[in-house]
Amino acid sequence: MPVRLILAFLLLCGIVAANGCSKDPADNNTDETNLYTDAAMYQEISNGSFYYYQSDTATLTAAGNSPHGAFKLLFNQEAKNALGTDGKLAVGDTFPAGSIVLKDVIRNGTTRFYAAMWKQPASSNTNEDWLWYEANLDGSLLESITTKGSGCIGCHRANANRDFINSFDLH
């Protein structure tokens, strides 16, 4: 009799534990489609804290065949933490997930649009683990993350040795 009682108790505990751990999918907002969207990217870059490249607010001139033109280069905290004392990512290193590298693209002394890369390896929209994005200041899209950087990766692949960030070797 005690063995049956113990088995019944263990079975009951298993059922309670299984039911207690189940969650309503509507309560779980971890679906990547909700996390990694153009709107989320815009929110990150327009409301986030960013640090200037080499702590310098100067406008950098375009180099080579850059389609962006003059720009200010910025990093969120995750990206900044990966930089060396020279303000650059070391050759062969990569940025951690969550890093954002942002260009404020300048025309006639004023920011005209954003070009950004957001390191999110878990997203199905990444190319080389980055979400690629360009938008006007109001958030209207020039390059959606859903394009997987199709208009960007060709040039950036030339600098895979610094996690696809060309600016480190040009400035």
N, C-alpha and C. Protein backbone atom coordinates (compact mmCIF):
# COMPACT_ATOMS: atom_id res chain seq x y z
N MET A 1 0.81 -1.21 0.00
CA MET A 1 0.00 0.00 0.00
C MET A 1 0.85 1.27 0.00
N PRO A 2 1.92 1.41 0.79
CA PRO A 2 2.72 2.63 0.78
C PRO A 2 3.36 2.87 -0.59
N VAL A 3 3.70 1.80 -1.33
CA VAL A 3 4.33 1.98 -2.64
C VAL A 3 3.32 2.62 -3.60
N ARG A 4 2.06 2.16 -3.56
CA ARG A 4 1.03 2.75 -4.42
C ARG A 4 0.79 4.21 -4.07
N LEU A 5 0.80 4.52 -2.80
CA LEU A 5 0.60 5.89 -2.35
C LEU A 5 1.75 6.79 -2.83
N ILE A 6 2.96 6.30 -2.74
CA ILE A 6 4.13 7.06 -3.19
C ILE A 6 4.06 7.27 -4.71
N LEU A 7 3.73 6.22 -5.47
CA LEU A 7 3.61 6.35 -6.92
C LEU A 7 2.50 7.33 -7.30
N ALA A 8 1.37 7.27 -6.62
CA ALA A 8 0.27 8.19 -6.90
C ALA A 8 0.69 9.63 -6.60
N PHE A 9 1.41 9.80 -5.49
CA PHE A 9 1.88 11.13 -5.12
C PHE A 9 2.86 11.67 -6.18
N LEU A 10 3.80 10.86 -6.65
CA LEU A 10 4.76 11.27 -7.67
C LEU A 10 4.05 11.60 -8.99
N LEU A 11 3.07 10.79 -9.35
CA LEU A 11 2.31 11.05 -10.57
C LEU A 11 1.56 12.38 -10.46
N LEU A 12 0.94 12.62 -9.33
CA LEU A 12 0.22 13.87 -9.11
C LEU A 12 1.18 15.06 -9.16
N CYS A 13 2.37 14.94 -8.57
CA CYS A 13 3.37 16.02 -8.62
C CYS A 13 3.81 16.29 -10.05
N GLY A 14 3.97 15.25 -10.82
CA GLY A 14 4.36 15.41 -12.22
C GLY A 14 3.30 16.14 -13.02
N ILE A 15 2.05 15.79 -12.79
CA ILE A 15 0.94 16.45 -13.50
C ILE A 15 0.85 17.92 -13.10
N VAL A 16 0.95 18.20 -11.83
CA VAL A 16 0.88 19.59 -11.35
C VAL A 16 2.05 20.39 -11.90
N ALA A 17 3.24 19.82 -11.89
CA ALA A 17 4.41 20.53 -12.41
C ALA A 17 4.28 20.80 -13.90
N ALA A 18 3.81 19.83 -14.65
CA ALA A 18 3.66 20.02 -16.10
C ALA A 18 2.63 21.10 -16.42
N ASN A 19 1.52 21.09 -15.71
CA ASN A 19 0.49 22.10 -15.94
C ASN A 19 0.90 23.47 -15.43
N GLY A 20 1.63 23.51 -14.34
CA GLY A 20 2.08 24.77 -13.76
C GLY A 20 3.11 25.46 -14.61
N CYS A 21 3.87 24.72 -15.41
CA CYS A 21 4.92 25.31 -16.22
C CYS A 21 4.45 25.74 -17.59
N SER A 22 3.27 25.30 -17.97
CA SER A 22 2.83 25.68 -19.31
C SER A 22 2.37 27.13 -19.28
N LYS A 23 2.66 27.85 -20.38
CA LYS A 23 2.29 29.24 -20.47
C LYS A 23 1.43 29.44 -21.70
N ASP A 24 0.58 30.40 -21.60
CA ASP A 24 -0.21 30.80 -22.75
C ASP A 24 0.73 31.50 -23.72
N PRO A 25 0.83 31.07 -24.98
CA PRO A 25 1.72 31.71 -25.94
C PRO A 25 1.47 33.21 -26.07
N ALA A 26 0.26 33.65 -25.83
CA ALA A 26 -0.03 35.08 -25.92
C ALA A 26 0.68 35.87 -24.83
N ASP A 27 1.02 35.20 -23.71
CA ASP A 27 1.72 35.87 -22.63
C ASP A 27 3.23 35.91 -22.85
N ASN A 28 3.71 35.21 -23.84
CA ASN A 28 5.14 35.10 -24.06
C ASN A 28 5.53 35.93 -25.29
N ASN A 29 6.09 37.10 -25.07
CA ASN A 29 6.43 38.01 -26.17
C ASN A 29 7.88 37.82 -26.60
N THR A 30 8.30 36.58 -26.85
CA THR A 30 9.67 36.35 -27.30
C THR A 30 9.73 35.96 -28.76
N ASP A 31 8.61 35.99 -29.45
CA ASP A 31 8.61 35.69 -30.87
C ASP A 31 9.47 36.71 -31.58
N GLU A 32 10.47 36.25 -32.33
CA GLU A 32 11.41 37.16 -32.97
C GLU A 32 10.74 38.14 -33.91
N THR A 33 9.58 37.79 -34.44
CA THR A 33 8.92 38.73 -35.34
C THR A 33 8.46 39.98 -34.58
N ASN A 34 8.25 39.87 -33.28
CA ASN A 34 7.89 41.03 -32.47
C ASN A 34 9.12 41.79 -32.00
N LEU A 35 10.26 41.12 -31.91
CA LEU A 35 11.45 41.74 -31.37
C LEU A 35 12.30 42.44 -32.42
N TYR A 36 12.42 41.86 -33.58
CA TYR A 36 13.35 42.36 -34.59
C TYR A 36 12.60 42.84 -35.82
N THR A 37 12.03 44.02 -35.70
CA THR A 37 11.26 44.61 -36.78
C THR A 37 11.88 45.95 -37.16
N ASP A 38 11.45 46.49 -38.28
CA ASP A 38 11.90 47.83 -38.65
C ASP A 38 11.51 48.84 -37.57
N ALA A 39 10.32 48.69 -37.02
CA ALA A 39 9.87 49.61 -35.96
C ALA A 39 10.74 49.48 -34.72
N ALA A 40 11.11 48.25 -34.37
CA ALA A 40 11.98 48.05 -33.21
C ALA A 40 13.36 48.66 -33.46
N MET A 41 13.85 48.50 -34.67
CA MET A 41 15.15 49.08 -35.02
C MET A 41 15.09 50.60 -34.92
N TYR A 42 14.05 51.19 -35.47
CA TYR A 42 13.90 52.64 -35.39
C TYR A 42 13.83 53.10 -33.94
N GLN A 43 13.11 52.37 -33.13
CA GLN A 43 13.01 52.69 -31.70
C GLN A 43 14.38 52.64 -31.04
N GLU A 44 15.15 51.61 -31.35
CA GLU A 44 16.49 51.47 -30.77
C GLU A 44 17.40 52.64 -31.14
N ILE A 45 17.39 53.02 -32.41
CA ILE A 45 18.33 54.07 -32.82
C ILE A 45 17.85 55.47 -32.47
N SER A 46 16.54 55.68 -32.40
CA SER A 46 16.06 57.02 -32.10
C SER A 46 16.00 57.31 -30.60
N ASN A 47 15.91 56.27 -29.78
CA ASN A 47 15.80 56.47 -28.33
C ASN A 47 16.99 55.93 -27.54
N GLY A 48 17.92 55.30 -28.22
CA GLY A 48 19.04 54.68 -27.50
C GLY A 48 20.14 55.65 -27.16
N SER A 49 21.04 55.21 -26.32
CA SER A 49 22.24 55.98 -25.97
C SER A 49 23.37 55.50 -26.86
N PHE A 50 24.02 56.43 -27.52
CA PHE A 50 25.10 56.08 -28.44
C PHE A 50 26.35 56.87 -28.13
N TYR A 51 27.47 56.31 -28.53
CA TYR A 51 28.78 56.89 -28.29
C TYR A 51 29.48 57.12 -29.63
N TYR A 52 30.08 58.30 -29.78
CA TYR A 52 30.74 58.62 -31.03
C TYR A 52 32.03 57.81 -31.22
N TYR A 53 32.30 57.51 -32.46
CA TYR A 53 33.52 56.82 -32.87
C TYR A 53 34.73 57.61 -32.37
N GLN A 54 35.57 56.94 -31.63
CA GLN A 54 36.77 57.52 -31.05
C GLN A 54 36.46 58.79 -30.25
N SER A 55 35.26 58.84 -29.68
CA SER A 55 34.79 59.97 -28.87
C SER A 55 34.87 61.30 -29.60
N ASP A 56 34.73 61.27 -30.90
CA ASP A 56 34.87 62.47 -31.73
C ASP A 56 33.55 62.73 -32.46
N THR A 57 33.00 63.92 -32.30
CA THR A 57 31.73 64.27 -32.93
C THR A 57 31.90 64.78 -34.36
N ALA A 58 33.12 64.78 -34.86
CA ALA A 58 33.38 65.29 -36.21
C ALA A 58 32.67 64.44 -37.26
N THR A 59 32.30 65.09 -38.34
CA THR A 59 31.72 64.39 -39.49
C THR A 59 32.86 63.76 -40.28
N LEU A 60 32.72 62.48 -40.58
CA LEU A 60 33.72 61.75 -41.37
C LEU A 60 33.36 61.84 -42.84
N THR A 61 34.35 61.96 -43.67
CA THR A 61 34.09 62.02 -45.10
C THR A 61 33.96 60.62 -45.66
N ALA A 62 33.18 60.51 -46.71
CA ALA A 62 33.01 59.22 -47.37
C ALA A 62 34.34 58.79 -47.98
N ALA A 63 34.60 57.52 -47.94
CA ALA A 63 35.83 56.98 -48.54
C ALA A 63 35.45 55.94 -49.58
N GLY A 64 36.27 55.83 -50.59
CA GLY A 64 36.02 54.83 -51.62
C GLY A 64 34.70 55.08 -52.32
N ASN A 65 33.97 54.02 -52.54
CA ASN A 65 32.68 54.11 -53.25
C ASN A 65 31.50 54.10 -52.29
N SER A 66 31.69 54.60 -51.08
CA SER A 66 30.61 54.57 -50.09
C SER A 66 29.35 55.25 -50.60
N PRO A 67 28.23 54.56 -50.55
CA PRO A 67 26.96 55.18 -50.97
C PRO A 67 26.39 56.12 -49.92
N HIS A 68 26.97 56.12 -48.71
CA HIS A 68 26.41 56.92 -47.62
C HIS A 68 26.83 58.38 -47.67
N GLY A 69 27.99 58.68 -48.17
CA GLY A 69 28.49 60.05 -48.11
C GLY A 69 29.03 60.35 -46.72
N ALA A 70 29.09 61.63 -46.36
CA ALA A 70 29.61 62.05 -45.06
C ALA A 70 28.71 61.51 -43.94
N PHE A 71 29.31 61.23 -42.79
CA PHE A 71 28.53 60.63 -41.70
C PHE A 71 29.21 60.82 -40.35
N LYS A 72 28.44 60.59 -39.31
CA LYS A 72 28.94 60.46 -37.94
C LYS A 72 28.73 59.01 -37.56
N LEU A 73 29.74 58.39 -37.00
CA LEU A 73 29.68 56.97 -36.64
C LEU A 73 29.46 56.84 -35.15
N LEU A 74 28.47 56.03 -34.77
CA LEU A 74 28.11 55.87 -33.37
C LEU A 74 27.93 54.40 -33.02
N PHE A 75 28.03 54.10 -31.72
CA PHE A 75 27.90 52.73 -31.21
C PHE A 75 27.04 52.73 -29.96
N ASN A 76 26.20 51.70 -29.82
CA ASN A 76 25.50 51.55 -28.55
C ASN A 76 26.48 50.96 -27.53
N GLN A 77 26.05 50.80 -26.29
CA GLN A 77 26.95 50.35 -25.22
C GLN A 77 27.55 48.98 -25.51
N GLU A 78 26.73 48.04 -26.01
CA GLU A 78 27.26 46.70 -26.30
C GLU A 78 28.39 46.76 -27.32
N ALA A 79 28.18 47.54 -28.38
CA ALA A 79 29.22 47.67 -29.40
C ALA A 79 30.44 48.40 -28.86
N LYS A 80 30.22 49.46 -28.12
CA LYS A 80 31.32 50.24 -27.56
C LYS A 80 32.22 49.37 -26.67
N ASN A 81 31.60 48.47 -25.92
CA ASN A 81 32.37 47.60 -25.02
C ASN A 81 33.31 46.67 -25.78
N ALA A 82 33.04 46.42 -27.05
CA ALA A 82 33.87 45.52 -27.85
C ALA A 82 35.06 46.23 -28.51
N LEU A 83 35.08 47.56 -28.45
CA LEU A 83 36.12 48.33 -29.11
C LEU A 83 37.39 48.38 -28.27
N GLY A 84 38.52 48.46 -28.96
CA GLY A 84 39.80 48.59 -28.27
C GLY A 84 40.06 50.03 -27.85
N THR A 85 41.22 50.28 -27.28
CA THR A 85 41.56 51.63 -26.83
C THR A 85 41.70 52.60 -27.99
N ASP A 86 41.90 52.09 -29.19
CA ASP A 86 41.97 52.94 -30.38
C ASP A 86 40.59 53.26 -30.94
N GLY A 87 39.53 52.75 -30.29
CA GLY A 87 38.17 53.00 -30.74
C GLY A 87 37.72 52.12 -31.87
N LYS A 88 38.50 51.09 -32.19
CA LYS A 88 38.19 50.20 -33.31
C LYS A 88 38.00 48.77 -32.82
N LEU A 89 37.28 47.99 -33.60
CA LEU A 89 37.18 46.56 -33.34
C LEU A 89 38.45 45.93 -33.89
N ALA A 90 39.09 45.11 -33.09
CA ALA A 90 40.34 44.46 -33.52
C ALA A 90 40.08 43.52 -34.69
N VAL A 91 41.05 43.42 -35.58
CA VAL A 91 40.96 42.50 -36.71
C VAL A 91 40.72 41.10 -36.17
N GLY A 92 39.73 40.42 -36.73
CA GLY A 92 39.39 39.06 -36.31
C GLY A 92 38.36 38.98 -35.20
N ASP A 93 38.07 40.09 -34.53
CA ASP A 93 37.06 40.09 -33.47
C ASP A 93 35.67 40.30 -34.08
N THR A 94 34.66 40.00 -33.28
CA THR A 94 33.28 40.24 -33.68
C THR A 94 32.56 40.98 -32.56
N PHE A 95 31.50 41.66 -32.93
CA PHE A 95 30.67 42.34 -31.95
C PHE A 95 29.74 41.34 -31.28
N PRO A 96 29.37 41.59 -30.02
CA PRO A 96 28.41 40.71 -29.35
C PRO A 96 26.98 40.98 -29.84
N ALA A 97 26.12 40.00 -29.64
CA ALA A 97 24.70 40.17 -29.95
C ALA A 97 24.17 41.40 -29.23
N GLY A 98 23.31 42.13 -29.90
CA GLY A 98 22.73 43.35 -29.33
C GLY A 98 23.47 44.61 -29.74
N SER A 99 24.66 44.46 -30.32
CA SER A 99 25.44 45.63 -30.75
C SER A 99 24.72 46.36 -31.88
N ILE A 100 24.78 47.68 -31.82
CA ILE A 100 24.29 48.51 -32.92
C ILE A 100 25.40 49.45 -33.35
N VAL A 101 25.65 49.45 -34.65
CA VAL A 101 26.57 50.40 -35.26
C VAL A 101 25.71 51.30 -36.14
N LEU A 102 25.80 52.59 -35.89
CA LEU A 102 24.89 53.56 -36.51
C LEU A 102 25.67 54.64 -37.23
N LYS A 103 25.22 54.94 -38.43
CA LYS A 103 25.73 56.10 -39.16
C LYS A 103 24.62 57.13 -39.24
N ASP A 104 24.91 58.33 -38.74
CA ASP A 104 24.05 59.46 -39.02
C ASP A 104 24.60 60.04 -40.32
N VAL A 105 23.89 59.87 -41.40
CA VAL A 105 24.37 60.32 -42.70
C VAL A 105 24.06 61.81 -42.85
N ILE A 106 25.11 62.57 -43.16
CA ILE A 106 25.05 64.02 -43.16
C ILE A 106 25.00 64.58 -44.59
N ARG A 107 24.11 65.54 -44.80
CA ARG A 107 24.06 66.30 -46.06
C ARG A 107 23.93 67.77 -45.67
N ASN A 108 24.81 68.61 -46.20
CA ASN A 108 24.79 70.05 -45.90
C ASN A 108 24.76 70.34 -44.40
N GLY A 109 25.54 69.56 -43.64
CA GLY A 109 25.67 69.80 -42.20
C GLY A 109 24.56 69.26 -41.33
N THR A 110 23.58 68.57 -41.92
CA THR A 110 22.43 68.07 -41.16
C THR A 110 22.26 66.57 -41.38
N THR A 111 21.89 65.86 -40.32
CA THR A 111 21.59 64.43 -40.46
C THR A 111 20.37 64.28 -41.36
N ARG A 112 20.53 63.46 -42.42
CA ARG A 112 19.45 63.26 -43.38
C ARG A 112 18.79 61.89 -43.25
N PHE A 113 19.59 60.87 -42.92
CA PHE A 113 19.02 59.54 -42.71
C PHE A 113 19.96 58.71 -41.87
N TYR A 114 19.45 57.56 -41.42
CA TYR A 114 20.22 56.62 -40.61
C TYR A 114 20.56 55.39 -41.44
N ALA A 115 21.77 54.92 -41.28
CA ALA A 115 22.17 53.61 -41.80
C ALA A 115 22.67 52.84 -40.58
N ALA A 116 22.09 51.68 -40.32
CA ALA A 116 22.40 50.98 -39.09
C ALA A 116 22.54 49.48 -39.31
N MET A 117 23.35 48.88 -38.45
CA MET A 117 23.50 47.43 -38.39
C MET A 117 23.25 47.03 -36.93
N TRP A 118 22.41 46.01 -36.75
CA TRP A 118 22.05 45.54 -35.41
C TRP A 118 22.39 44.06 -35.34
N LYS A 119 23.30 43.70 -34.49
CA LYS A 119 23.77 42.31 -34.38
C LYS A 119 22.72 41.49 -33.63
N GLN A 120 22.00 40.65 -34.37
CA GLN A 120 20.96 39.80 -33.79
C GLN A 120 20.98 38.44 -34.48
N PRO A 121 21.93 37.58 -34.12
CA PRO A 121 22.07 36.28 -34.79
C PRO A 121 20.83 35.41 -34.76
N ALA A 122 19.94 35.61 -33.79
CA ALA A 122 18.75 34.75 -33.67
C ALA A 122 17.67 35.11 -34.68
N SER A 123 17.76 36.25 -35.30
CA SER A 123 16.71 36.67 -36.23
C SER A 123 16.84 35.98 -37.57
N SER A 124 15.71 35.66 -38.16
CA SER A 124 15.72 35.04 -39.50
C SER A 124 16.00 36.07 -40.59
N ASN A 125 16.03 37.35 -40.25
CA ASN A 125 16.30 38.40 -41.24
C ASN A 125 17.77 38.82 -41.30
N THR A 126 18.64 38.12 -40.59
CA THR A 126 20.04 38.53 -40.60
C THR A 126 20.76 38.07 -41.85
N ASN A 127 21.83 38.77 -42.13
CA ASN A 127 22.81 38.37 -43.12
C ASN A 127 24.15 38.57 -42.43
N GLU A 128 24.92 37.51 -42.27
CA GLU A 128 26.18 37.54 -41.52
C GLU A 128 25.94 37.96 -40.07
N ASP A 129 24.82 37.56 -39.50
CA ASP A 129 24.40 37.82 -38.12
C ASP A 129 23.95 39.26 -37.85
N TRP A 130 23.88 40.09 -38.88
CA TRP A 130 23.46 41.48 -38.72
C TRP A 130 22.09 41.71 -39.37
N LEU A 131 21.30 42.58 -38.74
CA LEU A 131 20.13 43.16 -39.38
C LEU A 131 20.61 44.46 -40.01
N TRP A 132 20.24 44.70 -41.26
CA TRP A 132 20.68 45.85 -42.02
C TRP A 132 19.49 46.78 -42.21
N TYR A 133 19.71 48.07 -42.03
CA TYR A 133 18.57 49.00 -41.98
C TYR A 133 19.00 50.40 -42.41
N GLU A 134 18.16 51.05 -43.18
CA GLU A 134 18.32 52.47 -43.50
C GLU A 134 16.94 53.11 -43.45
N ALA A 135 16.88 54.28 -42.83
CA ALA A 135 15.60 54.98 -42.73
C ALA A 135 15.81 56.48 -42.66
N ASN A 136 14.82 57.20 -43.10
CA ASN A 136 14.80 58.64 -42.92
C ASN A 136 14.59 58.95 -41.44
N LEU A 137 14.78 60.19 -41.06
CA LEU A 137 14.67 60.56 -39.65
C LEU A 137 13.29 60.31 -39.07
N ASP A 138 12.26 60.31 -39.92
CA ASP A 138 10.91 60.04 -39.44
C ASP A 138 10.59 58.54 -39.37
N GLY A 139 11.58 57.70 -39.73
CA GLY A 139 11.38 56.25 -39.68
C GLY A 139 10.93 55.64 -40.99
N SER A 140 10.62 56.45 -41.99
CA SER A 140 10.23 55.88 -43.29
C SER A 140 11.43 55.15 -43.88
N LEU A 141 11.17 53.97 -44.40
CA LEU A 141 12.23 53.04 -44.77
C LEU A 141 12.92 53.36 -46.09
N LEU A 142 14.23 53.17 -46.07
CA LEU A 142 15.04 53.17 -47.28
C LEU A 142 15.53 51.75 -47.55
N GLU A 143 15.82 51.00 -46.47
CA GLU A 143 16.27 49.60 -46.56
C GLU A 143 15.70 48.87 -45.34
N SER A 144 14.71 48.01 -45.55
CA SER A 144 14.09 47.26 -44.47
C SER A 144 14.99 46.11 -44.02
N ILE A 145 14.88 45.75 -42.75
CA ILE A 145 15.65 44.60 -42.27
C ILE A 145 15.25 43.32 -43.01
N THR A 146 14.05 43.31 -43.57
CA THR A 146 13.59 42.11 -44.27
C THR A 146 14.34 41.86 -45.58
N THR A 147 15.07 42.86 -46.08
CA THR A 147 15.85 42.65 -47.31
C THR A 147 17.15 41.92 -47.02
N LYS A 148 17.44 41.71 -45.73
CA LYS A 148 18.66 41.01 -45.31
C LYS A 148 19.93 41.67 -45.86
N GLY A 149 19.88 42.98 -45.96
CA GLY A 149 21.06 43.72 -46.39
C GLY A 149 21.43 43.53 -47.84
N SER A 150 20.47 43.21 -48.68
CA SER A 150 20.78 42.92 -50.08
C SER A 150 21.45 44.10 -50.78
N GLY A 151 21.16 45.32 -50.36
CA GLY A 151 21.80 46.48 -50.95
C GLY A 151 23.06 46.91 -50.22
N CYS A 152 23.44 46.17 -49.19
CA CYS A 152 24.55 46.56 -48.31
C CYS A 152 25.70 45.55 -48.30
N ILE A 153 25.34 44.29 -48.24
CA ILE A 153 26.32 43.24 -47.94
C ILE A 153 27.43 43.14 -48.97
N GLY A 154 27.16 43.48 -50.21
CA GLY A 154 28.19 43.38 -51.24
C GLY A 154 29.44 44.17 -50.86
N CYS A 155 29.26 45.40 -50.43
CA CYS A 155 30.40 46.23 -50.01
C CYS A 155 30.94 45.79 -48.66
N HIS A 156 30.06 45.49 -47.73
CA HIS A 156 30.50 45.15 -46.38
C HIS A 156 31.23 43.81 -46.31
N ARG A 157 30.93 42.91 -47.23
CA ARG A 157 31.63 41.61 -47.24
C ARG A 157 33.12 41.78 -47.48
N ALA A 158 33.49 42.88 -48.10
CA ALA A 158 34.90 43.14 -48.36
C ALA A 158 35.69 43.32 -47.07
N ASN A 159 34.98 43.54 -45.96
CA ASN A 159 35.66 43.76 -44.69
C ASN A 159 35.13 42.84 -43.61
N ALA A 160 35.06 41.57 -43.93
CA ALA A 160 34.57 40.59 -42.96
C ALA A 160 35.52 40.44 -41.78
N ASN A 161 36.77 40.86 -41.94
CA ASN A 161 37.75 40.70 -40.86
C ASN A 161 37.49 41.61 -39.66
N ARG A 162 36.60 42.58 -39.79
CA ARG A 162 36.20 43.43 -38.66
C ARG A 162 34.68 43.40 -38.51
N ASP A 163 34.13 42.21 -38.65
CA ASP A 163 32.69 41.97 -38.49
C ASP A 163 31.86 42.84 -39.43
N PHE A 164 32.35 43.03 -40.64
CA PHE A 164 31.62 43.68 -41.72
C PHE A 164 31.46 45.19 -41.55
N ILE A 165 32.27 45.80 -40.68
CA ILE A 165 32.27 47.25 -40.49
C ILE A 165 33.45 47.82 -41.26
N ASN A 166 33.18 48.54 -42.34
CA ASN A 166 34.23 49.08 -43.19
C ASN A 166 34.94 50.28 -42.60
N SER A 167 34.25 51.06 -41.80
CA SER A 167 34.79 52.35 -41.31
C SER A 167 36.11 52.21 -40.57
N PHE A 168 36.33 51.11 -39.88
CA PHE A 168 37.56 50.96 -39.10
C PHE A 168 38.81 51.01 -39.97
N ASP A 169 38.73 50.49 -41.17
CA ASP A 169 39.89 50.50 -42.04
C ASP A 169 39.96 51.76 -42.90
N LEU A 170 38.90 52.52 -42.95
CA LEU A 170 38.87 53.73 -43.79
C LEU A 170 39.08 55.01 -43.01
N HIS A 171 38.86 54.96 -41.68
CA HIS A 171 38.97 56.18 -40.86
C HIS A 171 39.73 55.89 -39.59
